[in-house]
Amino acid sequence: MLPDWLLRHEATIEPFQGEGAYGVIYDDAVTEQCLVDDERRLVRDAQGLETVSDTTIFFRPGVHCPEGSRVTVNGRVTTVIASYARDGGGLPTPDHVEVVCR
C-alpha cells in the first residue's frame, strides 16, 4: 500500500455507470486521497488504441474508478482512460490503483 504521506492530493471521483437517453450516467461522487503526477505520456485505452494522458493518479488499493469516470483533481475535471490495480499478491510492494486520465 502507498504510504499516507505520499497521498497529498484529493480527487473527487464520479464513477461511470453507463449511457442513457440523455448522455453519460455517473454514480454519486466520492472524495479520495491520492498522489497526482501531471505528465503527458502516450498510453493505450481499454480497446488498445493509443491516446495521450495528461495526468496519472495513484489511489489506495480498492478505490473504484472505472474507465469513463469523471475525476476532479487540482481544480481540473478530467476523464479516466484506464484504471489498473497494482497488486503484488502479498509481496512487500506498494499496492495501489493507478488511473490514467485525459
Protein backbone atom coordinates (compact mmCIF):
# COMPACT_ATOMS: atom_id res chain seq x y z
CA MET A 1 0.00 0.00 0.00
CA LEU A 2 1.18 3.53 -0.69
CA PRO A 3 2.23 5.33 2.49
CA ASP A 4 -0.19 8.02 3.71
CA TRP A 5 2.46 10.74 3.49
CA LEU A 6 2.53 10.32 -0.31
CA LEU A 7 -1.21 10.91 -0.68
CA ARG A 8 -1.04 14.73 -0.65
CA HIS A 9 -3.93 15.48 -3.02
CA GLU A 10 -7.69 14.95 -3.03
CA ALA A 11 -9.68 13.75 -6.03
CA THR A 12 -13.44 13.68 -6.45
CA ILE A 13 -14.49 10.59 -8.41
CA GLU A 14 -17.83 10.23 -10.18
CA PRO A 15 -17.77 6.55 -11.26
CA PHE A 16 -19.02 5.85 -14.79
CA GLN A 17 -22.28 3.87 -14.79
CA GLY A 18 -23.20 3.81 -18.46
CA GLU A 19 -25.04 5.87 -21.03
CA GLY A 20 -28.71 6.75 -21.14
CA ALA A 21 -31.07 8.66 -23.40
CA TYR A 22 -29.67 11.96 -22.12
CA GLY A 23 -25.96 11.13 -22.12
CA VAL A 24 -23.43 9.69 -19.68
CA ILE A 25 -24.65 8.46 -16.27
CA TYR A 26 -22.34 8.76 -13.26
CA ASP A 27 -22.69 7.35 -9.74
CA ASP A 28 -22.56 9.57 -6.65
CA ALA A 29 -19.29 11.46 -6.19
CA VAL A 30 -16.75 10.27 -3.61
CA THR A 31 -13.58 12.03 -2.46
CA GLU A 32 -10.35 10.05 -2.07
CA GLN A 33 -6.79 10.91 -1.02
CA CYS A 34 -4.30 10.42 -3.85
CA LEU A 35 -0.97 11.30 -5.43
CA VAL A 36 -1.16 13.22 -8.73
CA ASP A 37 1.50 13.10 -11.45
CA ASP A 38 0.93 15.70 -14.19
CA GLU A 39 2.97 14.26 -17.04
CA ARG A 40 1.93 13.92 -20.65
CA ARG A 41 2.53 10.41 -21.97
CA LEU A 42 1.24 8.00 -24.58
CA VAL A 43 -0.95 5.20 -23.17
CA ARG A 44 -3.33 2.55 -24.50
CA ASP A 45 -7.03 2.61 -23.69
CA ALA A 46 -9.20 -0.45 -22.98
CA GLN A 47 -9.62 -1.06 -26.73
CA GLY A 48 -5.85 -0.97 -27.29
CA LEU A 49 -5.81 2.37 -29.09
CA GLU A 50 -3.00 4.82 -28.37
CA THR A 51 -4.09 8.05 -26.69
CA VAL A 52 -2.43 10.86 -24.75
CA SER A 53 -2.73 11.02 -20.97
CA ASP A 54 -2.01 14.32 -19.21
CA THR A 55 -2.46 13.10 -15.63
CA THR A 56 -1.82 9.89 -13.70
CA ILE A 57 -3.46 9.49 -10.29
CA PHE A 58 -2.42 6.96 -7.66
CA PHE A 59 -5.01 5.83 -5.07
CA ARG A 60 -5.09 3.38 -2.18
CA PRO A 61 -5.98 -0.22 -3.11
CA GLY A 62 -9.69 -0.84 -3.55
CA VAL A 63 -10.66 2.58 -4.92
CA HIS A 64 -13.31 2.16 -7.64
CA CYS A 65 -12.57 4.40 -10.65
CA PRO A 66 -13.59 2.64 -13.89
CA GLU A 67 -12.84 3.77 -17.43
CA GLY A 68 -15.06 6.70 -18.41
CA SER A 69 -15.37 8.06 -14.86
CA ARG A 70 -15.20 11.80 -14.29
CA VAL A 71 -12.47 12.91 -11.87
CA THR A 72 -11.88 16.38 -10.46
CA VAL A 73 -8.33 16.96 -9.20
CA ASN A 74 -6.33 20.16 -8.66
CA GLY A 75 -9.29 22.18 -9.94
CA ARG A 76 -9.44 20.30 -13.26
CA VAL A 77 -12.15 17.95 -14.49
CA THR A 78 -10.84 15.01 -16.49
CA THR A 79 -11.99 11.64 -17.82
CA VAL A 80 -10.47 8.25 -16.98
CA ILE A 81 -8.79 6.50 -19.92
CA ALA A 82 -7.87 3.34 -17.99
CA SER A 83 -7.56 2.10 -14.42
CA TYR A 84 -5.13 -0.56 -13.18
CA ALA A 85 -5.00 -2.40 -9.86
CA ARG A 86 -1.30 -2.75 -9.00
CA ASP A 87 -1.18 -5.63 -6.52
CA GLY A 88 1.96 -7.56 -5.59
CA GLY A 89 -0.05 -10.60 -4.47
CA GLY A 90 1.25 -10.50 -0.91
CA LEU A 91 4.78 -9.39 -1.77
CA PRO A 92 6.03 -6.29 0.07
CA THR A 93 5.21 -3.90 -2.78
CA PRO A 94 3.42 -0.53 -2.75
CA ASP A 95 0.00 -1.86 -3.83
CA HIS A 96 -2.23 0.83 -5.32
CA VAL A 97 -4.72 1.74 -8.06
CA GLU A 98 -3.22 3.65 -10.99
CA VAL A 99 -5.63 5.79 -13.03
CA VAL A 100 -4.60 7.47 -16.29
CA CYS A 101 -6.69 10.45 -17.41
CA ARG A 102 -7.12 12.68 -20.46
